[in-house]
Amino acid sequence: MDNIFGKQLKELRTEKGYTQRTLAEKLGISPSAVGMYEQGRREPDNEMLSKLCCILETTTDNLLGIEQPKNEEVGCGL
């Protein structure tokens, strides 16, 4: 299984110039927990996902690797 969340998290973290330790401090968790998120060995709960998005200034869709549909694709197609 592809670890899109972990890859996105690491990319956004490094773009902000954060180490795993600095991000962990901002989140109030251990650096190893951040490492496990990035490795796909652990998943954040909804509250932690919200904190990650706030700190990394991104959306949950972006962090989870969900592509936004183009305007033409929005809707049920009826």
N, C-alpha and C. Protein backbone atom coordinates (compact mmCIF):
# COMPACT_ATOMS: atom_id res chain seq x y z
N MET A 1 0.84 -1.19 0.00
CA MET A 1 0.00 0.00 0.00
C MET A 1 0.89 1.25 0.00
N ASP A 2 0.50 2.21 -0.79
CA ASP A 2 1.27 3.45 -0.91
C ASP A 2 0.98 4.36 0.28
N ASN A 3 2.01 4.89 0.89
CA ASN A 3 1.88 5.75 2.06
C ASN A 3 1.83 7.21 1.63
N ILE A 4 0.74 7.61 0.99
CA ILE A 4 0.61 8.97 0.49
C ILE A 4 0.64 9.97 1.64
N PHE A 5 -0.09 9.68 2.72
CA PHE A 5 -0.13 10.59 3.86
C PHE A 5 1.28 10.84 4.39
N GLY A 6 2.04 9.77 4.60
CA GLY A 6 3.40 9.91 5.14
C GLY A 6 4.30 10.73 4.24
N LYS A 7 4.19 10.50 2.94
CA LYS A 7 5.00 11.25 1.98
C LYS A 7 4.61 12.72 1.98
N GLN A 8 3.31 12.99 2.00
CA GLN A 8 2.84 14.38 2.03
C GLN A 8 3.29 15.07 3.31
N LEU A 9 3.16 14.37 4.43
CA LEU A 9 3.55 14.94 5.72
C LEU A 9 5.03 15.32 5.70
N LYS A 10 5.86 14.40 5.26
CA LYS A 10 7.30 14.67 5.23
C LYS A 10 7.62 15.83 4.30
N GLU A 11 7.00 15.85 3.13
CA GLU A 11 7.25 16.94 2.18
C GLU A 11 6.84 18.29 2.75
N LEU A 12 5.64 18.36 3.33
CA LEU A 12 5.17 19.62 3.91
C LEU A 12 6.02 20.04 5.10
N ARG A 13 6.41 19.07 5.91
CA ARG A 13 7.25 19.36 7.08
C ARG A 13 8.58 19.95 6.64
N THR A 14 9.21 19.34 5.66
CA THR A 14 10.52 19.83 5.21
C THR A 14 10.39 21.17 4.49
N GLU A 15 9.29 21.39 3.77
CA GLU A 15 9.07 22.69 3.12
C GLU A 15 9.00 23.81 4.16
N LYS A 16 8.45 23.51 5.32
CA LYS A 16 8.37 24.49 6.40
C LYS A 16 9.69 24.62 7.16
N GLY A 17 10.64 23.73 6.88
CA GLY A 17 11.92 23.77 7.58
C GLY A 17 11.88 23.13 8.95
N TYR A 18 10.88 22.30 9.21
CA TYR A 18 10.76 21.65 10.51
C TYR A 18 11.46 20.29 10.50
N THR A 19 12.12 19.98 11.58
CA THR A 19 12.60 18.63 11.80
C THR A 19 11.44 17.85 12.42
N GLN A 20 11.61 16.55 12.51
CA GLN A 20 10.58 15.75 13.19
C GLN A 20 10.43 16.23 14.63
N ARG A 21 11.55 16.58 15.24
CA ARG A 21 11.51 17.05 16.63
C ARG A 21 10.74 18.36 16.77
N THR A 22 11.00 19.33 15.90
CA THR A 22 10.31 20.62 16.04
C THR A 22 8.82 20.47 15.76
N LEU A 23 8.46 19.65 14.78
CA LEU A 23 7.03 19.44 14.51
C LEU A 23 6.38 18.74 15.70
N ALA A 24 7.07 17.76 16.25
CA ALA A 24 6.54 17.04 17.41
C ALA A 24 6.31 17.97 18.59
N GLU A 25 7.24 18.89 18.82
CA GLU A 25 7.08 19.85 19.91
C GLU A 25 5.86 20.73 19.70
N LYS A 26 5.63 21.16 18.47
CA LYS A 26 4.47 21.99 18.16
C LYS A 26 3.16 21.22 18.36
N LEU A 27 3.22 19.88 18.12
CA LEU A 27 2.03 19.04 18.23
C LEU A 27 1.83 18.49 19.64
N GLY A 28 2.87 18.54 20.47
CA GLY A 28 2.79 17.98 21.81
C GLY A 28 2.88 16.46 21.82
N ILE A 29 3.63 15.90 20.86
CA ILE A 29 3.82 14.46 20.78
C ILE A 29 5.32 14.17 20.68
N SER A 30 5.67 12.91 20.66
CA SER A 30 7.09 12.55 20.56
C SER A 30 7.57 12.60 19.11
N PRO A 31 8.86 12.85 18.92
CA PRO A 31 9.41 12.81 17.56
C PRO A 31 9.22 11.45 16.90
N SER A 32 9.26 10.39 17.70
CA SER A 32 9.08 9.06 17.11
C SER A 32 7.66 8.89 16.57
N ALA A 33 6.68 9.56 17.16
CA ALA A 33 5.31 9.48 16.64
C ALA A 33 5.24 10.13 15.26
N VAL A 34 5.92 11.27 15.09
CA VAL A 34 5.97 11.92 13.77
C VAL A 34 6.64 10.98 12.78
N GLY A 35 7.73 10.35 13.19
CA GLY A 35 8.42 9.39 12.32
C GLY A 35 7.52 8.24 11.93
N MET A 36 6.73 7.74 12.87
CA MET A 36 5.81 6.64 12.56
C MET A 36 4.72 7.09 11.60
N TYR A 37 4.24 8.33 11.73
CA TYR A 37 3.27 8.85 10.76
C TYR A 37 3.89 8.85 9.37
N GLU A 38 5.11 9.33 9.27
CA GLU A 38 5.78 9.43 7.97
C GLU A 38 6.08 8.06 7.38
N GLN A 39 6.31 7.08 8.22
CA GLN A 39 6.62 5.72 7.75
C GLN A 39 5.36 4.90 7.48
N GLY A 40 4.20 5.42 7.84
CA GLY A 40 2.97 4.68 7.66
C GLY A 40 2.73 3.61 8.71
N ARG A 41 3.44 3.71 9.81
CA ARG A 41 3.29 2.73 10.89
C ARG A 41 2.25 3.16 11.91
N ARG A 42 1.76 4.39 11.77
CA ARG A 42 0.76 4.94 12.70
C ARG A 42 -0.02 6.00 11.96
N GLU A 43 -1.30 6.16 12.32
CA GLU A 43 -2.14 7.19 11.70
C GLU A 43 -2.65 8.14 12.77
N PRO A 44 -2.72 9.43 12.45
CA PRO A 44 -3.23 10.39 13.44
C PRO A 44 -4.74 10.30 13.57
N ASP A 45 -5.24 10.63 14.77
CA ASP A 45 -6.68 10.72 14.92
C ASP A 45 -7.14 12.06 14.33
N ASN A 46 -8.42 12.29 14.33
CA ASN A 46 -8.96 13.50 13.69
C ASN A 46 -8.43 14.78 14.32
N GLU A 47 -8.29 14.80 15.63
CA GLU A 47 -7.78 16.00 16.31
C GLU A 47 -6.34 16.28 15.90
N MET A 48 -5.51 15.23 15.83
CA MET A 48 -4.12 15.41 15.44
C MET A 48 -4.02 15.81 13.97
N LEU A 49 -4.88 15.25 13.13
CA LEU A 49 -4.90 15.61 11.71
C LEU A 49 -5.21 17.10 11.56
N SER A 50 -6.14 17.58 12.34
CA SER A 50 -6.49 19.00 12.31
C SER A 50 -5.31 19.87 12.76
N LYS A 51 -4.61 19.46 13.81
CA LYS A 51 -3.44 20.19 14.28
C LYS A 51 -2.34 20.22 13.22
N LEU A 52 -2.11 19.07 12.58
CA LEU A 52 -1.10 18.99 11.53
C LEU A 52 -1.42 19.98 10.41
N CYS A 53 -2.67 20.01 10.00
CA CYS A 53 -3.07 20.91 8.91
C CYS A 53 -2.89 22.37 9.31
N CYS A 54 -3.21 22.69 10.53
CA CYS A 54 -3.07 24.07 11.01
C CYS A 54 -1.59 24.47 11.03
N ILE A 55 -0.75 23.64 11.59
CA ILE A 55 0.68 23.95 11.70
C ILE A 55 1.35 23.99 10.34
N LEU A 56 0.97 23.07 9.46
CA LEU A 56 1.60 22.99 8.14
C LEU A 56 0.90 23.87 7.10
N GLU A 57 -0.16 24.55 7.54
CA GLU A 57 -0.92 25.48 6.68
C GLU A 57 -1.37 24.80 5.39
N THR A 58 -2.10 23.72 5.56
CA THR A 58 -2.61 22.97 4.42
C THR A 58 -4.00 22.45 4.73
N THR A 59 -4.61 21.80 3.76
CA THR A 59 -5.93 21.21 3.95
C THR A 59 -5.78 19.72 4.25
N THR A 60 -6.83 19.15 4.80
CA THR A 60 -6.81 17.71 5.03
C THR A 60 -6.72 16.96 3.70
N ASP A 61 -7.42 17.46 2.69
CA ASP A 61 -7.37 16.81 1.37
C ASP A 61 -5.94 16.76 0.85
N ASN A 62 -5.22 17.86 0.96
CA ASN A 62 -3.84 17.89 0.49
C ASN A 62 -2.97 16.93 1.29
N LEU A 63 -3.12 16.96 2.60
CA LEU A 63 -2.30 16.11 3.45
C LEU A 63 -2.60 14.63 3.22
N LEU A 64 -3.85 14.32 2.91
CA LEU A 64 -4.23 12.93 2.68
C LEU A 64 -4.04 12.51 1.22
N GLY A 65 -3.63 13.44 0.37
CA GLY A 65 -3.36 13.10 -1.03
C GLY A 65 -4.62 12.96 -1.87
N ILE A 66 -5.69 13.63 -1.45
CA ILE A 66 -6.94 13.57 -2.19
C ILE A 66 -6.94 14.66 -3.24
N GLU A 67 -7.06 14.25 -4.48
CA GLU A 67 -7.08 15.23 -5.58
C GLU A 67 -8.45 15.87 -5.67
N GLN A 68 -8.44 17.15 -5.89
CA GLN A 68 -9.69 17.88 -6.06
C GLN A 68 -10.18 17.72 -7.49
N PRO A 69 -11.46 17.41 -7.68
CA PRO A 69 -11.98 17.28 -9.04
C PRO A 69 -12.03 18.63 -9.73
N LYS A 70 -11.92 18.60 -11.04
CA LYS A 70 -12.08 19.82 -11.82
C LYS A 70 -13.54 20.23 -11.77
N ASN A 71 -13.82 21.50 -12.01
CA ASN A 71 -15.19 21.99 -11.93
C ASN A 71 -16.16 21.16 -12.75
N GLU A 72 -15.72 20.68 -13.92
CA GLU A 72 -16.59 19.89 -14.79
C GLU A 72 -16.95 18.55 -14.17
N GLU A 73 -16.12 18.07 -13.26
CA GLU A 73 -16.32 16.76 -12.66
C GLU A 73 -17.14 16.81 -11.38
N VAL A 74 -17.44 17.99 -10.87
CA VAL A 74 -18.18 18.11 -9.61
C VAL A 74 -19.64 17.79 -9.87
N GLY A 75 -20.23 17.06 -8.96
CA GLY A 75 -21.64 16.72 -9.06
C GLY A 75 -21.83 15.23 -9.27
N CYS A 76 -23.08 14.83 -9.36
CA CYS A 76 -23.38 13.40 -9.46
C CYS A 76 -23.52 12.96 -10.91
N GLY A 77 -23.52 13.85 -11.85
CA GLY A 77 -23.58 13.48 -13.26
C GLY A 77 -24.98 13.25 -13.81
N LEU A 78 -26.00 13.64 -13.06
CA LEU A 78 -27.38 13.46 -13.53
C LEU A 78 -27.84 14.60 -14.39
